[in-house]
Amino acid sequence: MLIYQVFNRYIGVKREQTRWLAYRIDLSERKSSPLRDVIIPDELTEAELPGWLGDLFHESASEKYPDVRRIE
């Protein structure tokens, strides 16, 4: 699973067959739960994921957390 810090939250993205699935990540307990309301187009490449996540969650951007970055 790819794990991103998306502004002030952690989101995991996993490819399952031909679909991207998103998960809420709790790094302290190493747990995840599905984010069923987050749709990621199947045709996106791994390199395009940070941009897409940034577009989806841009309202959460702040001076302290201005960007999306992969952490794992």
Protein backbone atom coordinates (compact mmCIF):
# COMPACT_ATOMS: atom_id res chain seq x y z
CA MET A 1 0.00 0.00 0.00
CA LEU A 2 1.19 3.50 -0.86
CA ILE A 3 0.78 5.89 2.08
CA TYR A 4 0.52 9.64 1.59
CA GLN A 5 0.36 12.54 3.99
CA VAL A 6 -2.45 14.48 2.37
CA PHE A 7 -2.22 17.86 4.08
CA ASN A 8 -3.03 16.88 7.70
CA ARG A 9 -4.29 13.31 7.19
CA TYR A 10 -2.87 9.97 6.17
CA ILE A 11 -4.37 8.17 3.22
CA GLY A 12 -3.36 4.82 1.82
CA VAL A 13 -3.91 3.86 -1.80
CA LYS A 14 -3.78 0.30 -3.04
CA ARG A 15 -4.17 -1.16 -6.51
CA GLU A 16 -6.52 -4.12 -6.51
CA GLN A 17 -6.69 -5.73 -9.94
CA THR A 18 -7.55 -2.74 -12.16
CA ARG A 19 -8.95 -0.43 -9.44
CA TRP A 20 -7.41 2.04 -7.02
CA LEU A 21 -8.82 1.81 -3.49
CA ALA A 22 -8.36 4.48 -0.80
CA TYR A 23 -7.99 3.93 2.94
CA ARG A 24 -7.86 6.07 6.05
CA ILE A 25 -4.60 5.25 7.81
CA ASP A 26 -3.81 5.30 11.53
CA LEU A 27 -0.01 5.18 11.61
CA SER A 28 0.22 4.86 15.39
CA GLU A 29 -1.69 1.55 15.35
CA ARG A 30 -0.86 0.56 11.76
CA LYS A 31 -4.56 0.17 10.97
CA SER A 32 -6.57 1.15 7.93
CA SER A 33 -10.23 1.48 7.05
CA PRO A 34 -11.76 1.91 3.58
CA LEU A 35 -12.65 5.39 2.33
CA ARG A 36 -15.59 4.32 0.20
CA ASP A 37 -16.55 7.87 -0.78
CA VAL A 38 -13.12 8.59 -2.33
CA ILE A 39 -13.10 7.66 -6.02
CA ILE A 40 -9.78 7.41 -7.83
CA PRO A 41 -9.97 6.91 -11.60
CA ASP A 42 -8.63 3.50 -12.60
CA GLU A 43 -6.54 4.96 -15.41
CA LEU A 44 -4.41 7.15 -13.11
CA THR A 45 -0.78 6.19 -12.82
CA GLU A 46 1.03 5.98 -9.50
CA ALA A 47 2.83 9.22 -10.36
CA GLU A 48 -0.50 11.02 -10.79
CA LEU A 49 -1.92 9.98 -7.39
CA PRO A 50 -0.48 12.87 -5.31
CA GLY A 51 -2.00 15.44 -7.68
CA TRP A 52 -5.38 13.73 -7.62
CA LEU A 53 -5.38 13.47 -3.81
CA GLY A 54 -4.37 17.12 -3.59
CA ASP A 55 -7.30 18.11 -5.79
CA LEU A 56 -9.74 16.04 -3.71
CA PHE A 57 -8.61 17.32 -0.32
CA HIS A 58 -7.38 20.83 -1.16
CA GLU A 59 -9.72 22.37 1.46
CA SER A 60 -7.50 20.78 4.15
CA ALA A 61 -4.36 22.61 3.01
CA SER A 62 -2.80 24.98 5.52
CA GLU A 63 0.46 26.81 6.08
CA LYS A 64 1.65 23.95 8.28
CA TYR A 65 0.51 21.23 5.82
CA PRO A 66 0.67 22.78 2.32
CA ASP A 67 1.15 19.70 0.18
CA VAL A 68 0.73 15.99 -0.50
CA ARG A 69 3.74 13.75 -0.07
CA ARG A 70 4.33 10.05 -0.13
CA ILE A 71 5.67 8.74 3.17
CA GLU A 72 5.69 4.98 2.46
